[in-house]
Amino acid sequence: MTTNRIYQDENGTKVFVSSGISTDGKTWLTVRQKKGKGTHRVKSPALPIRETLAKAQEDLDAYAERKGWKPL
């Protein structure tokens, strides 16, 4: 089972994996969300759109570790 972890970046913005507007669960991407705002995709070669939550979360976990982000 994959745990969907939420991280906080250096600006206090939440970063997490989301299915975005996908309703079939086949598209997973990493997004940022400022307090009280909508989500925006994090565009990075290290965080491509994936077909599974598990793979997208694995990408984000590795990215967050490199950036020194801690899970909330």
N, C-alpha and C. Protein backbone atom coordinates (compact mmCIF):
# COMPACT_ATOMS: atom_id res chain seq x y z
N MET A 1 0.84 -1.19 0.00
CA MET A 1 0.00 0.00 0.00
C MET A 1 0.88 1.24 0.00
N THR A 2 0.54 2.22 -0.80
CA THR A 2 1.29 3.46 -0.88
C THR A 2 0.69 4.50 0.05
N THR A 3 1.54 5.13 0.84
CA THR A 3 1.10 6.22 1.69
C THR A 3 1.35 7.52 0.94
N ASN A 4 0.33 8.32 0.79
CA ASN A 4 0.46 9.59 0.09
C ASN A 4 0.98 10.63 1.09
N ARG A 5 2.29 10.87 1.07
CA ARG A 5 2.91 11.81 1.99
C ARG A 5 2.82 13.23 1.45
N ILE A 6 2.65 14.16 2.37
CA ILE A 6 2.63 15.58 2.04
C ILE A 6 3.89 16.20 2.62
N TYR A 7 4.58 16.99 1.79
CA TYR A 7 5.79 17.67 2.22
C TYR A 7 5.54 19.17 2.26
N GLN A 8 6.41 19.87 2.98
CA GLN A 8 6.37 21.33 2.99
C GLN A 8 7.70 21.82 2.45
N ASP A 9 7.64 22.69 1.44
CA ASP A 9 8.88 23.19 0.84
C ASP A 9 9.44 24.36 1.65
N GLU A 10 10.53 24.92 1.17
CA GLU A 10 11.22 25.99 1.89
C GLU A 10 10.39 27.27 2.01
N ASN A 11 9.32 27.39 1.23
CA ASN A 11 8.44 28.56 1.29
C ASN A 11 7.17 28.32 2.10
N GLY A 12 7.06 27.13 2.69
CA GLY A 12 5.88 26.79 3.47
C GLY A 12 4.72 26.26 2.64
N THR A 13 4.98 25.97 1.36
CA THR A 13 3.95 25.45 0.46
C THR A 13 3.88 23.94 0.56
N LYS A 14 2.66 23.39 0.59
CA LYS A 14 2.48 21.94 0.62
C LYS A 14 2.78 21.37 -0.77
N VAL A 15 3.46 20.23 -0.80
CA VAL A 15 3.78 19.54 -2.04
C VAL A 15 3.37 18.07 -1.87
N PHE A 16 2.57 17.57 -2.82
CA PHE A 16 2.06 16.21 -2.70
C PHE A 16 1.68 15.65 -4.06
N VAL A 17 1.42 14.36 -4.11
CA VAL A 17 0.99 13.68 -5.33
C VAL A 17 -0.53 13.74 -5.41
N SER A 18 -1.02 14.03 -6.61
CA SER A 18 -2.46 14.14 -6.84
C SER A 18 -2.81 13.51 -8.18
N SER A 19 -4.05 13.10 -8.31
CA SER A 19 -4.52 12.60 -9.61
C SER A 19 -4.93 13.76 -10.51
N GLY A 20 -4.82 14.99 -10.00
CA GLY A 20 -5.18 16.15 -10.79
C GLY A 20 -6.64 16.09 -11.20
N ILE A 21 -6.89 16.31 -12.48
CA ILE A 21 -8.28 16.26 -12.96
C ILE A 21 -8.63 14.88 -13.53
N SER A 22 -7.71 13.94 -13.39
CA SER A 22 -7.94 12.58 -13.88
C SER A 22 -9.00 11.90 -13.03
N THR A 23 -9.99 11.33 -13.67
CA THR A 23 -11.04 10.62 -12.93
C THR A 23 -10.86 9.11 -13.00
N ASP A 24 -9.94 8.65 -13.84
CA ASP A 24 -9.76 7.21 -13.99
C ASP A 24 -8.60 6.67 -13.15
N GLY A 25 -7.89 7.54 -12.43
CA GLY A 25 -6.79 7.11 -11.58
C GLY A 25 -5.57 6.63 -12.33
N LYS A 26 -5.44 7.02 -13.59
CA LYS A 26 -4.31 6.58 -14.40
C LYS A 26 -3.27 7.66 -14.63
N THR A 27 -3.50 8.85 -14.07
CA THR A 27 -2.57 9.95 -14.23
C THR A 27 -2.27 10.54 -12.85
N TRP A 28 -1.00 10.51 -12.47
CA TRP A 28 -0.58 11.01 -11.17
C TRP A 28 0.54 12.01 -11.36
N LEU A 29 0.45 13.14 -10.66
CA LEU A 29 1.45 14.18 -10.79
C LEU A 29 1.69 14.84 -9.44
N THR A 30 2.82 15.54 -9.35
CA THR A 30 3.16 16.25 -8.12
C THR A 30 2.68 17.69 -8.26
N VAL A 31 2.02 18.16 -7.19
CA VAL A 31 1.47 19.52 -7.20
C VAL A 31 1.90 20.29 -5.96
N ARG A 32 1.83 21.62 -6.07
CA ARG A 32 2.05 22.53 -4.94
C ARG A 32 0.71 23.16 -4.60
N GLN A 33 0.53 23.46 -3.30
CA GLN A 33 -0.68 24.15 -2.89
C GLN A 33 -0.35 25.11 -1.76
N LYS A 34 -0.48 26.40 -2.06
CA LYS A 34 -0.32 27.42 -1.03
C LYS A 34 -1.59 27.47 -0.20
N LYS A 35 -1.47 27.89 1.04
CA LYS A 35 -2.62 27.93 1.94
C LYS A 35 -3.77 28.73 1.32
N GLY A 36 -4.93 28.09 1.23
CA GLY A 36 -6.12 28.74 0.71
C GLY A 36 -6.15 28.91 -0.80
N LYS A 37 -5.20 28.29 -1.51
CA LYS A 37 -5.12 28.43 -2.96
C LYS A 37 -5.33 27.09 -3.64
N GLY A 38 -5.43 27.11 -4.96
CA GLY A 38 -5.57 25.89 -5.75
C GLY A 38 -4.23 25.20 -5.93
N THR A 39 -4.25 24.08 -6.62
CA THR A 39 -3.02 23.32 -6.86
C THR A 39 -2.42 23.67 -8.22
N HIS A 40 -1.11 23.56 -8.29
CA HIS A 40 -0.37 23.80 -9.53
C HIS A 40 0.68 22.71 -9.67
N ARG A 41 0.82 22.18 -10.86
CA ARG A 41 1.78 21.11 -11.10
C ARG A 41 3.22 21.59 -10.87
N VAL A 42 4.01 20.73 -10.24
CA VAL A 42 5.45 20.98 -10.10
C VAL A 42 6.11 20.42 -11.35
N LYS A 43 6.66 21.29 -12.15
CA LYS A 43 7.28 20.86 -13.41
C LYS A 43 8.78 20.70 -13.20
N SER A 44 9.22 19.44 -13.23
CA SER A 44 10.62 19.10 -13.06
C SER A 44 10.87 17.78 -13.77
N PRO A 45 12.04 17.63 -14.41
CA PRO A 45 12.36 16.34 -15.02
C PRO A 45 12.36 15.20 -14.00
N ALA A 46 12.57 15.53 -12.73
CA ALA A 46 12.58 14.52 -11.67
C ALA A 46 11.18 14.13 -11.23
N LEU A 47 10.16 14.86 -11.68
CA LEU A 47 8.78 14.61 -11.26
C LEU A 47 7.85 14.50 -12.47
N PRO A 48 8.06 13.50 -13.30
CA PRO A 48 7.19 13.35 -14.48
C PRO A 48 5.79 12.87 -14.10
N ILE A 49 4.86 13.03 -15.01
CA ILE A 49 3.52 12.47 -14.83
C ILE A 49 3.67 10.94 -14.89
N ARG A 50 3.04 10.26 -13.96
CA ARG A 50 3.15 8.80 -13.87
C ARG A 50 1.78 8.14 -13.99
N GLU A 51 1.80 6.84 -14.26
CA GLU A 51 0.56 6.07 -14.39
C GLU A 51 0.10 5.44 -13.08
N THR A 52 0.95 5.50 -12.04
CA THR A 52 0.55 4.94 -10.75
C THR A 52 0.91 5.92 -9.63
N LEU A 53 0.10 5.88 -8.60
CA LEU A 53 0.36 6.68 -7.40
C LEU A 53 1.69 6.28 -6.79
N ALA A 54 1.96 4.99 -6.73
CA ALA A 54 3.19 4.49 -6.11
C ALA A 54 4.44 5.07 -6.77
N LYS A 55 4.48 5.07 -8.08
CA LYS A 55 5.66 5.58 -8.79
C LYS A 55 5.79 7.09 -8.62
N ALA A 56 4.68 7.81 -8.70
CA ALA A 56 4.71 9.26 -8.51
C ALA A 56 5.17 9.60 -7.10
N GLN A 57 4.72 8.83 -6.11
CA GLN A 57 5.12 9.08 -4.72
C GLN A 57 6.60 8.77 -4.53
N GLU A 58 7.08 7.72 -5.17
CA GLU A 58 8.51 7.37 -5.12
C GLU A 58 9.36 8.52 -5.68
N ASP A 59 8.92 9.10 -6.79
CA ASP A 59 9.63 10.24 -7.37
C ASP A 59 9.66 11.41 -6.40
N LEU A 60 8.50 11.73 -5.82
CA LEU A 60 8.42 12.86 -4.89
C LEU A 60 9.26 12.62 -3.64
N ASP A 61 9.23 11.40 -3.11
CA ASP A 61 10.02 11.10 -1.92
C ASP A 61 11.51 11.34 -2.18
N ALA A 62 12.00 10.88 -3.32
CA ALA A 62 13.41 11.07 -3.67
C ALA A 62 13.72 12.56 -3.86
N TYR A 63 12.84 13.28 -4.52
CA TYR A 63 13.01 14.71 -4.78
C TYR A 63 13.04 15.48 -3.45
N ALA A 64 12.08 15.17 -2.58
CA ALA A 64 11.99 15.85 -1.28
C ALA A 64 13.22 15.58 -0.43
N GLU A 65 13.74 14.37 -0.50
CA GLU A 65 14.95 14.04 0.27
C GLU A 65 16.13 14.88 -0.22
N ARG A 66 16.27 15.01 -1.54
CA ARG A 66 17.36 15.83 -2.10
C ARG A 66 17.22 17.30 -1.70
N LYS A 67 15.98 17.76 -1.58
CA LYS A 67 15.72 19.16 -1.24
C LYS A 67 15.75 19.41 0.29
N GLY A 68 15.76 18.33 1.06
CA GLY A 68 15.76 18.48 2.52
C GLY A 68 14.39 18.76 3.11
N TRP A 69 13.31 18.44 2.35
CA TRP A 69 11.96 18.65 2.85
C TRP A 69 11.58 17.52 3.79
N LYS A 70 10.79 17.84 4.79
CA LYS A 70 10.28 16.84 5.74
C LYS A 70 8.79 16.64 5.51
N PRO A 71 8.31 15.41 5.71
CA PRO A 71 6.87 15.18 5.57
C PRO A 71 6.10 15.88 6.71
N LEU A 72 4.90 16.31 6.40
CA LEU A 72 4.04 16.93 7.43
C LEU A 72 3.36 15.86 8.25
